[in-house]
């Protein structure tokens, strides 16, 4: 008989059992469910809502069930619907009638809400740690390449010379913001809904604050309706997860492009590449491509839960059972992606000479030539036009700006002097950009040091 079956005259249809049950996926929250139940039972005993010896018996029973689950001795039942009812059923079978008192002053609505918050809280901590490891890898690689010159791009067209360090430090900023979003998510989810009951709290004099303290929450929810029906914390997590995946996908896109024969900026390690079943020569960046593809999956998880929640009246509705699979999928996808990204980056080979040659091509020093003229009191718009005409001429002749003679340059503007050749060297173009946020090697090293300190403060 169902634990809620007193009202019913017939057994649940087998079809409904299968459709209704969530044990196939919510069983991963068994630790959180037991942890929450232990705190609830302890409080019931301390408040003498149930006898202290009964509370002790419940706690010991739950602790034994946890050991049995983790040792593989427990087979969950689809007929018990979910992890919460499965564990309560196991408890009652183990300790008898005392187990039936565990649910005093509690509903599955606030029980599942606390389990879900505990679970996401643990996973945000794990994801934050993985982000920290990825950021450390990016900082280590950047430090090795503060003088690895490469072209920077806009519109995927060569724009200005930068360094690989500067390029990777842009991703460091993205992932640091991701850590901040994860921290904010954790902060807002870290309140206990236990005591909200089904929707209208309870007549029992529960000590909600004591339970919250035992479970590591910063406080308790202040409205019982909101306590059981709120899934903002799950949506906020999915939003943060989607942005993490977007950043990973952007980095993967560049890894894919850079490893192509047309770019040749990097060579991926064999351990993070795959081959072709028909073309013997192929070495494909499949790991990066798959991560790029999985980004859409996490976006889908966010949209799915937004859609579930958009029209629900207060308080709990069965629709909300659909919250967990989306979150679980996003957690698994983000963690696997972060785990594989770090070693893929650390093992890639950077083709410094190829990057340097490409930085010299495509007139990436054109802006610096315009700046050279502006520093000689030529209005920048005039300088821009002058350099544009020179670029056009070089394009016709198939040469670079640095290949024009001083006489040819002076035919266009008399302010050119021989020192312009030093001004438009790739190294000078980068080294001269020393302002905060710029690509100069010393600026990059300062940024690396600052980011390491920021990261250290977060862990």
Protein backbone atom coordinates (compact mmCIF):
# COMPACT_ATOMS: atom_id res chain seq x y z
CA UNK A 1 0.00 0.00 0.00
CA UNK A 2 1.21 3.52 -0.80
CA UNK A 3 2.33 5.66 2.12
CA UNK A 4 -0.37 8.09 1.02
CA UNK A 5 -2.92 5.37 0.15
CA UNK A 6 -5.48 5.81 2.92
CA UNK A 7 -7.73 7.94 0.72
CA UNK A 8 -7.75 5.48 -2.18
CA UNK A 9 -9.80 2.35 -2.89
CA UNK A 10 -7.81 1.08 -5.89
CA UNK A 11 -4.16 0.44 -6.57
CA UNK A 12 -2.37 2.79 -8.96
CA UNK A 13 -2.35 1.63 -12.57
CA UNK A 14 0.91 0.02 -13.65
CA UNK A 15 1.04 2.50 -16.52
CA UNK A 16 0.77 5.38 -14.08
CA UNK A 17 3.42 3.81 -11.82
CA UNK A 18 5.90 3.96 -14.68
CA UNK A 19 4.82 7.42 -15.87
CA UNK A 20 4.64 8.90 -12.38
CA UNK A 21 7.78 7.52 -10.82
CA UNK A 22 10.95 9.60 -10.56
CA UNK A 23 13.17 7.10 -8.73
CA UNK A 24 15.06 6.34 -11.95
CA UNK A 25 16.67 9.77 -11.81
CA UNK A 26 16.11 11.33 -8.37
CA UNK A 27 17.85 8.43 -6.62
CA UNK A 28 21.09 10.36 -7.07
CA UNK A 29 19.86 12.62 -4.23
CA UNK A 30 19.84 9.79 -1.67
CA UNK A 31 22.62 11.34 0.44
CA UNK A 32 20.91 14.70 0.55
CA UNK A 33 17.56 13.10 1.42
CA UNK A 34 19.07 11.13 4.29
CA UNK A 35 21.04 14.13 5.51
CA UNK A 36 17.90 16.28 5.54
CA UNK A 37 15.88 13.58 7.27
CA UNK A 38 18.51 13.11 9.98
CA UNK A 39 18.48 16.84 10.74
CA UNK A 40 14.66 16.84 10.79
CA UNK A 41 14.52 13.80 13.10
CA UNK A 42 17.09 15.27 15.46
CA UNK A 43 15.07 18.46 15.72
CA UNK A 44 11.82 16.51 16.33
CA UNK A 45 13.52 14.70 19.21
CA UNK A 46 15.11 17.85 20.65
CA UNK A 47 11.74 19.60 20.61
CA UNK A 48 10.09 16.46 22.03
CA UNK A 49 7.61 16.41 19.16
CA UNK A 50 8.56 12.74 19.04
CA UNK A 51 10.29 10.89 21.86
CA UNK A 52 14.09 11.43 21.87
CA UNK A 53 14.67 7.68 21.80
CA UNK A 54 12.52 7.44 18.66
CA UNK A 55 14.55 10.21 17.04
CA UNK A 56 17.74 8.34 17.95
CA UNK A 57 16.32 5.15 16.45
CA UNK A 58 15.36 6.99 13.24
CA UNK A 59 18.80 8.58 12.91
CA UNK A 60 20.60 5.28 13.40
CA UNK A 61 18.28 3.62 10.90
CA UNK A 62 18.94 6.31 8.31
CA UNK A 63 22.68 6.07 8.84
CA UNK A 64 22.53 2.33 8.27
CA UNK A 65 20.43 2.80 5.11
CA UNK A 66 23.06 5.23 3.79
CA UNK A 67 25.78 2.62 4.30
CA UNK A 68 23.66 -0.04 2.62
CA UNK A 69 22.94 2.17 -0.40
CA UNK A 70 26.60 3.04 -0.83
CA UNK A 71 27.62 -0.60 -0.56
CA UNK A 72 25.13 -1.56 -3.28
CA UNK A 73 22.79 -3.55 -1.03
CA UNK A 74 19.65 -1.53 -1.80
CA UNK A 75 17.37 -1.96 -4.81
CA UNK A 76 14.99 0.95 -5.12
CA UNK A 77 11.36 0.24 -6.02
CA UNK A 78 9.49 2.00 -8.79
CA UNK A 79 6.28 1.51 -6.82
CA UNK A 80 7.60 3.73 -4.04
CA UNK A 81 7.69 6.55 -6.61
CA UNK A 82 10.72 8.57 -5.60
CA UNK A 83 13.85 8.61 -3.47
CA UNK A 84 12.01 10.19 -0.53
CA UNK A 85 9.32 7.50 -0.29
CA UNK A 86 11.83 4.72 -0.99
CA UNK A 87 14.00 5.75 1.94
CA UNK A 88 11.03 6.19 4.26
CA UNK A 89 9.77 2.74 3.27
CA UNK A 90 13.21 1.22 3.89
CA UNK A 91 13.36 2.98 7.27
CA UNK A 92 9.98 1.69 8.37
CA UNK A 93 10.89 -1.83 7.32
CA UNK A 94 14.13 -1.55 9.29
CA UNK A 95 12.97 0.04 12.58
CA UNK A 96 9.20 -0.43 12.59
CA UNK A 97 6.59 2.11 13.69
CA UNK A 98 9.13 4.70 14.80
CA UNK A 99 10.03 5.15 11.16
CA UNK A 100 6.50 6.32 10.45
CA UNK A 101 7.08 9.32 12.72
CA UNK A 102 9.89 10.76 10.59
CA UNK A 103 7.45 12.63 8.38
CA UNK A 104 5.89 14.49 11.33
CA UNK A 105 5.66 18.20 10.51
CA UNK A 106 7.03 17.66 7.01
CA UNK A 107 5.68 17.28 3.47
CA UNK A 108 7.34 15.79 0.45
CA UNK A 109 7.04 19.29 -0.98
CA UNK A 110 9.47 20.88 1.46
CA UNK A 111 11.47 17.65 1.67
CA UNK A 112 12.23 17.57 -2.05
CA UNK A 113 12.93 21.30 -2.03
CA UNK A 114 15.60 20.94 0.63
CA UNK A 115 17.12 17.87 -1.06
CA UNK A 116 17.33 19.71 -4.36
CA UNK A 117 18.95 22.75 -2.78
CA UNK A 118 21.49 20.58 -0.96
CA UNK A 119 22.30 18.71 -4.15
CA UNK A 120 22.77 21.81 -6.30
CA UNK A 121 24.79 23.44 -3.53
CA UNK A 122 27.26 20.56 -3.55
CA UNK A 123 27.48 20.58 -7.32
CA UNK A 124 28.06 24.34 -7.49
CA UNK A 125 31.04 23.82 -5.19
CA UNK A 126 32.36 21.07 -7.46
CA UNK A 127 31.87 23.17 -10.59
CA UNK A 128 33.55 26.15 -8.96
CA UNK A 129 36.58 23.97 -8.18
CA UNK A 130 36.72 22.75 -11.79
CA UNK A 131 36.49 26.32 -13.07
CA UNK A 132 39.39 27.21 -10.80
CA UNK A 133 41.47 24.39 -12.25
CA UNK A 134 40.70 25.52 -15.80
CA UNK A 135 41.57 29.12 -14.99
CA UNK A 136 44.87 27.98 -13.45
CA UNK A 137 45.67 26.09 -16.64
CA UNK A 138 44.90 29.11 -18.79
CA UNK A 139 47.09 31.31 -16.57
CA UNK A 140 49.98 28.83 -16.74
CA UNK A 141 49.78 28.67 -20.53
CA UNK A 142 49.43 32.44 -20.81
CA UNK A 143 52.54 32.94 -18.67
CA UNK A 144 54.52 30.79 -21.11
CA UNK A 145 53.33 32.83 -24.06
CA UNK A 146 53.52 36.52 -23.11
CA UNK A 147 55.81 36.97 -26.12
CA UNK A 148 54.10 34.58 -28.51
CA UNK A 149 52.93 37.04 -31.15
CA UNK A 150 49.73 36.32 -33.04
CA UNK A 151 47.08 38.19 -35.01
CA UNK A 152 44.00 39.39 -33.20
CA UNK A 153 40.79 39.26 -35.18
CA UNK A 154 37.53 41.08 -35.66
CA UNK A 155 34.94 39.58 -38.03
CA UNK A 156 37.43 36.68 -38.30
CA UNK A 157 39.65 39.05 -40.31
CA UNK A 158 43.16 39.95 -39.18
CA UNK A 159 42.95 43.17 -37.18
CA UNK A 160 45.87 43.96 -34.87
CA UNK A 161 48.80 42.01 -33.43
CA UNK A 162 48.45 40.66 -29.90
CA UNK A 163 49.94 37.76 -27.97
CA UNK A 164 48.60 34.32 -27.20
CA UNK A 165 48.77 35.28 -23.53
CA UNK A 166 46.48 38.24 -24.13
CA UNK A 167 44.05 36.08 -26.08
CA UNK A 168 43.87 33.41 -23.37
CA UNK A 169 43.54 36.01 -20.63
CA UNK A 170 40.26 37.08 -22.24
CA UNK A 171 38.93 33.60 -21.44
CA UNK A 172 40.30 33.87 -17.92
CA UNK A 173 38.06 36.91 -17.45
CA UNK A 174 35.06 34.97 -18.78
CA UNK A 175 35.62 32.02 -16.47
CA UNK A 176 36.25 34.29 -13.47
CA UNK A 177 32.84 35.84 -14.12
CA UNK A 178 31.43 32.31 -14.32
CA UNK A 179 32.87 31.60 -10.88
CA UNK A 180 31.16 34.74 -9.62
CA UNK A 181 27.82 33.64 -11.06
CA UNK A 182 28.19 30.22 -9.46
CA UNK A 183 29.01 31.86 -6.12
CA UNK A 184 25.95 34.10 -6.41
CA UNK A 185 23.77 31.11 -7.28
CA UNK A 186 24.99 29.27 -4.22
CA UNK A 187 24.38 32.28 -2.01
CA UNK A 188 20.74 32.65 -3.06
CA UNK A 189 19.90 28.94 -2.92
CA UNK A 190 21.44 28.52 0.53
CA UNK A 191 18.24 28.88 2.58
CA UNK A 192 16.25 26.01 4.06
CA UNK A 193 12.63 25.44 3.01
CA UNK A 194 12.09 22.68 5.60
CA UNK A 195 9.13 23.64 7.77
CA UNK A 196 7.14 25.01 4.83
CA UNK A 197 5.10 21.80 4.83
CA UNK A 198 2.92 21.21 1.81
CA UNK A 199 2.28 24.95 1.42
CA UNK A 200 0.99 26.38 4.73
CA UNK A 201 3.76 25.42 7.20
CA UNK A 202 2.70 23.27 10.17
CA UNK A 203 1.08 23.42 13.56
CA UNK A 204 4.07 21.67 15.13
CA UNK A 205 6.55 23.95 16.89
CA UNK A 206 9.48 23.09 14.63
CA UNK A 207 12.88 24.68 15.15
CA UNK A 208 13.52 25.53 11.51
CA UNK A 209 16.64 27.51 12.32
CA UNK A 210 18.30 24.59 14.14
CA UNK A 211 17.70 22.35 11.12
CA UNK A 212 19.07 25.03 8.81
CA UNK A 213 22.23 25.36 10.89
CA UNK A 214 22.80 21.59 10.92
CA UNK A 215 22.41 21.44 7.14
CA UNK A 216 24.76 24.37 6.57
CA UNK A 217 22.13 26.82 5.34
CA UNK A 218 22.52 30.54 5.95
CA UNK A 219 18.86 30.93 6.94
CA UNK A 220 15.32 29.77 6.27
CA UNK A 221 12.75 30.68 3.65
CA UNK A 222 10.33 33.34 4.86
CA UNK A 223 7.16 32.28 3.06
CA UNK A 224 5.89 28.72 3.05
CA UNK A 225 4.18 29.04 -0.34
CA UNK A 226 7.39 30.27 -1.91
CA UNK A 227 9.46 27.76 0.05
CA UNK A 228 7.88 24.78 -1.73
CA UNK A 229 7.20 26.30 -5.14
CA UNK A 230 10.41 28.26 -5.75
CA UNK A 231 12.74 26.88 -8.41
CA UNK A 232 14.53 30.14 -9.13
CA UNK A 233 17.67 28.61 -7.66
CA UNK A 234 17.55 25.80 -10.23
CA UNK A 235 16.89 28.25 -13.06
CA UNK A 236 19.69 30.50 -11.89
CA UNK A 237 22.04 27.54 -11.82
CA UNK A 238 20.99 26.54 -15.34
CA UNK A 239 21.55 30.12 -16.49
CA UNK A 240 25.06 30.13 -15.02
CA UNK A 241 25.70 26.67 -16.51
CA UNK A 242 24.56 27.86 -19.94
CA UNK A 243 26.97 30.80 -19.84
CA UNK A 244 29.81 28.51 -18.76
CA UNK A 245 29.08 26.27 -21.73
CA UNK A 246 28.87 29.28 -24.05
CA UNK A 247 32.35 30.34 -22.97
CA UNK A 248 33.68 26.80 -23.38
CA UNK A 249 32.06 26.62 -26.80
CA UNK A 250 33.71 29.86 -27.93
CA UNK A 251 37.08 28.55 -26.82
CA UNK A 252 36.39 25.24 -28.56
CA UNK A 253 35.51 27.08 -31.77
CA UNK A 254 38.92 28.76 -31.71
CA UNK A 255 40.69 25.49 -30.93
CA UNK A 256 38.93 23.94 -33.92
CA UNK A 257 39.89 26.83 -36.20
CA UNK A 258 43.45 27.12 -34.91
CA UNK A 259 44.09 23.40 -35.38
CA UNK A 260 42.96 23.48 -39.01
CA UNK A 261 45.48 23.32 -41.84
CA UNK A 262 44.40 26.78 -42.96
CA UNK A 263 45.46 28.31 -39.61
CA UNK A 264 47.97 25.83 -38.16
CA UNK A 265 48.34 27.77 -34.91
CA UNK A 266 48.15 24.70 -32.65
CA UNK A 267 48.47 20.93 -32.81
CA UNK A 268 46.16 19.01 -30.52
CA UNK A 269 47.53 16.06 -28.59
CA UNK A 270 46.64 12.65 -30.03
CA UNK A 271 44.86 11.84 -26.79
CA UNK A 272 42.35 14.61 -27.45
CA UNK A 273 41.82 13.99 -31.16
CA UNK A 274 40.22 11.28 -33.27
CA UNK A 275 40.69 9.90 -36.76
CA UNK A 276 38.53 9.05 -39.74
CA UNK A 277 37.16 5.60 -40.58
CA UNK A 278 37.96 6.18 -44.27
CA UNK A 279 40.56 8.97 -44.55
CA UNK A 280 43.88 7.83 -43.05
CA UNK A 281 45.38 11.32 -42.87
CA UNK A 282 42.68 12.87 -40.69
CA UNK A 283 43.21 14.17 -37.17
CA UNK A 284 39.93 15.66 -36.03
CA UNK A 285 39.27 17.99 -33.07
CA UNK A 286 36.26 15.89 -32.08
CA UNK A 287 36.52 16.64 -28.36
CA UNK A 288 36.22 20.38 -28.97
CA UNK A 289 33.45 19.83 -31.51
CA UNK A 290 31.45 17.66 -29.14
CA UNK A 291 31.80 20.18 -26.33
CA UNK A 292 30.57 22.86 -28.72
CA UNK A 293 27.60 20.64 -29.52
CA UNK A 294 26.82 19.88 -25.88
CA UNK A 295 26.41 23.60 -25.27
CA UNK A 296 23.08 23.48 -27.08
CA UNK A 297 22.04 20.65 -24.79
CA UNK A 298 22.54 22.77 -21.67
CA UNK A 299 20.70 25.68 -23.30
CA UNK A 300 17.85 23.21 -23.84
CA UNK A 301 17.90 22.27 -20.15
CA UNK A 302 17.42 25.92 -19.22
CA UNK A 303 14.61 26.50 -21.70
CA UNK A 304 12.90 23.26 -20.62
CA UNK A 305 12.68 24.31 -16.97
CA UNK A 306 11.70 27.89 -17.83
CA UNK A 307 8.87 26.43 -19.89
CA UNK A 308 7.78 24.08 -17.09
CA UNK A 309 7.64 26.92 -14.57
CA UNK A 310 6.14 29.69 -16.67
CA UNK A 311 2.44 29.03 -15.99
CA UNK A 312 2.36 27.28 -12.64
CA UNK A 313 0.02 28.63 -9.95
CA UNK A 314 1.12 28.48 -6.32
CA UNK A 315 2.08 26.26 -4.70
CA UNK A 316 3.52 22.87 -5.65
CA UNK A 317 2.39 21.18 -8.87
CA UNK A 318 3.46 17.79 -10.21
CA UNK A 319 4.92 19.56 -13.25
CA UNK A 320 7.81 20.50 -10.98
CA UNK A 321 9.01 16.89 -10.94
CA UNK A 322 10.43 17.81 -14.36
CA UNK A 323 12.93 20.16 -12.72
CA UNK A 324 15.53 17.57 -11.80
CA UNK A 325 16.44 15.80 -15.02
CA UNK A 326 17.28 19.12 -16.69
CA UNK A 327 19.47 20.18 -13.79
CA UNK A 328 21.13 16.79 -13.48
CA UNK A 329 21.89 16.74 -17.20
CA UNK A 330 23.36 20.23 -17.10
CA UNK A 331 25.50 19.39 -14.08
CA UNK A 332 26.88 16.26 -15.73
CA UNK A 333 27.54 18.05 -19.02
CA UNK A 334 29.29 21.07 -17.48
CA UNK A 335 31.46 18.96 -15.21
CA UNK A 336 32.53 16.57 -17.96
CA UNK A 337 33.30 19.50 -20.26
CA UNK A 338 35.41 21.30 -17.66
CA UNK A 339 37.23 18.10 -16.76
CA UNK A 340 38.26 17.42 -20.37
CA UNK A 341 39.04 21.03 -21.34
CA UNK A 342 41.94 21.53 -18.93
CA UNK A 343 44.17 18.64 -20.13
CA UNK A 344 43.24 19.35 -23.76
CA UNK A 345 44.65 22.86 -23.35
CA UNK A 346 47.70 21.81 -21.36
CA UNK A 347 48.75 19.19 -23.94
CA UNK A 348 48.25 21.24 -27.13
CA UNK A 349 51.37 22.34 -29.01
CA UNK A 350 51.58 26.02 -29.91
CA UNK A 351 53.11 26.77 -33.30
CA UNK A 352 54.81 30.06 -32.40
CA UNK A 353 56.48 30.70 -35.76
CA UNK A 354 53.25 30.20 -37.67
CA UNK A 355 51.42 32.58 -35.36
CA UNK A 356 54.17 35.18 -35.78
CA UNK A 357 54.14 34.94 -39.57
CA UNK A 358 50.38 35.37 -39.64
CA UNK A 359 50.62 38.34 -37.26
CA UNK A 360 52.91 40.05 -39.80
CA UNK A 361 50.45 39.42 -42.62
CA UNK A 362 47.16 41.14 -43.29
CA UNK A 363 48.31 44.69 -42.40
CA UNK A 364 47.81 44.15 -38.66
CA UNK A 365 50.19 47.10 -38.11
CA UNK A 366 48.02 49.54 -40.10
CA UNK A 367 46.45 51.08 -36.99
CA UNK A 368 49.91 51.66 -35.54
CA UNK A 369 50.94 53.47 -38.71
CA UNK A 370 47.88 55.69 -38.38
CA UNK A 371 48.75 56.28 -34.71
CA UNK A 372 52.28 57.19 -35.80
CA UNK A 373 50.89 59.94 -38.01
CA UNK A 374 48.47 61.10 -35.29
CA UNK A 375 51.38 61.46 -32.88
CA UNK A 376 52.95 63.77 -35.44
CA UNK A 377 49.91 66.04 -35.25
CA UNK A 378 48.09 64.63 -38.27
CA UNK A 379 44.34 64.51 -37.44
CA UNK A 380 43.47 60.86 -36.91
CA UNK A 381 40.78 60.82 -39.61
CA UNK A 382 43.33 62.11 -42.12
CA UNK A 383 45.87 59.58 -40.86
CA UNK A 384 43.27 56.84 -41.29
CA UNK A 385 42.69 57.86 -44.91
CA UNK A 386 46.40 58.05 -45.66
CA UNK A 387 47.08 54.58 -44.32
CA UNK A 388 44.03 53.22 -46.11
CA UNK A 389 45.46 54.46 -49.42
CA UNK A 390 48.81 52.87 -48.57
CA UNK A 391 47.13 49.55 -47.74
CA UNK A 392 45.31 49.66 -51.07
CA UNK A 393 48.59 50.23 -52.88
CA UNK A 394 50.30 47.41 -50.97
CA UNK A 395 47.39 45.11 -51.77
CA UNK A 396 47.87 45.83 -55.49
CA UNK A 397 51.60 45.20 -55.24
CA UNK A 398 51.42 42.21 -52.91
CA UNK A 399 53.65 43.66 -50.21
CA UNK A 400 53.40 44.89 -46.62
CA UNK A 401 53.45 48.45 -45.28
CA UNK A 402 56.95 47.87 -43.94
CA UNK A 403 58.10 47.02 -47.47
CA UNK A 404 57.41 50.53 -48.80
CA UNK A 405 60.43 52.79 -49.04
CA UNK A 406 60.59 56.06 -47.13
CA UNK A 407 60.48 57.91 -50.46
CA UNK A 408 57.27 56.13 -51.45
CA UNK A 409 55.74 56.89 -48.10
CA UNK A 410 56.69 60.56 -48.24
CA UNK A 411 54.93 60.89 -51.58
CA UNK A 412 51.72 60.29 -49.61
CA UNK A 413 52.64 62.25 -46.46
CA UNK A 414 55.72 64.33 -45.80
CA UNK A 415 55.66 63.63 -42.05
CA UNK A 416 56.96 60.10 -42.44
CA UNK A 417 60.46 59.57 -41.04
CA UNK A 418 62.64 56.43 -40.94
CA UNK A 419 61.58 55.79 -37.32
CA UNK A 420 58.21 54.62 -38.67
CA UNK A 421 59.71 51.21 -39.47
CA UNK A 422 60.41 50.59 -35.80
CA UNK A 423 56.94 51.89 -34.90
CA UNK A 424 55.20 49.32 -37.08
CA UNK A 425 57.26 46.28 -36.14
CA UNK A 426 54.93 43.60 -34.75
CA UNK A 427 56.84 43.50 -31.48
CA UNK A 428 56.63 47.29 -31.12
CA UNK A 429 52.94 47.30 -31.94
CA UNK A 430 52.28 44.93 -29.04
CA UNK A 431 54.88 46.24 -26.59
CA UNK A 432 53.58 49.79 -26.93
CA UNK A 433 50.11 48.83 -25.66
CA UNK A 434 50.96 48.97 -21.98
CA UNK A 435 47.77 50.44 -20.57
CA UNK A 436 45.64 48.35 -18.24
CA UNK A 437 43.96 45.61 -20.21
CA UNK A 438 46.43 45.85 -23.08
CA UNK A 439 48.50 43.06 -24.66
CA UNK A 440 52.04 44.23 -23.81
CA UNK A 441 54.05 41.43 -22.15
CA UNK A 442 54.59 43.32 -18.91
CA UNK A 443 50.90 44.22 -18.78
CA UNK A 444 49.98 40.59 -19.39
CA UNK A 445 52.27 39.46 -16.58
CA UNK A 446 50.66 41.96 -14.23
CA UNK A 447 47.22 40.70 -15.27
CA UNK A 448 48.29 37.10 -14.70
CA UNK A 449 49.48 37.94 -11.20
CA UNK A 450 46.27 39.79 -10.40
CA UNK A 451 44.11 36.94 -11.70
CA UNK A 452 46.07 34.44 -9.63
CA UNK A 453 45.39 36.53 -6.52
CA UNK A 454 41.70 36.81 -7.37
CA UNK A 455 41.52 33.06 -7.91
CA UNK A 456 43.35 32.35 -4.66
CA UNK A 457 40.82 34.48 -2.78
CA UNK A 458 37.96 32.43 -4.25
CA UNK A 459 39.22 28.96 -3.33
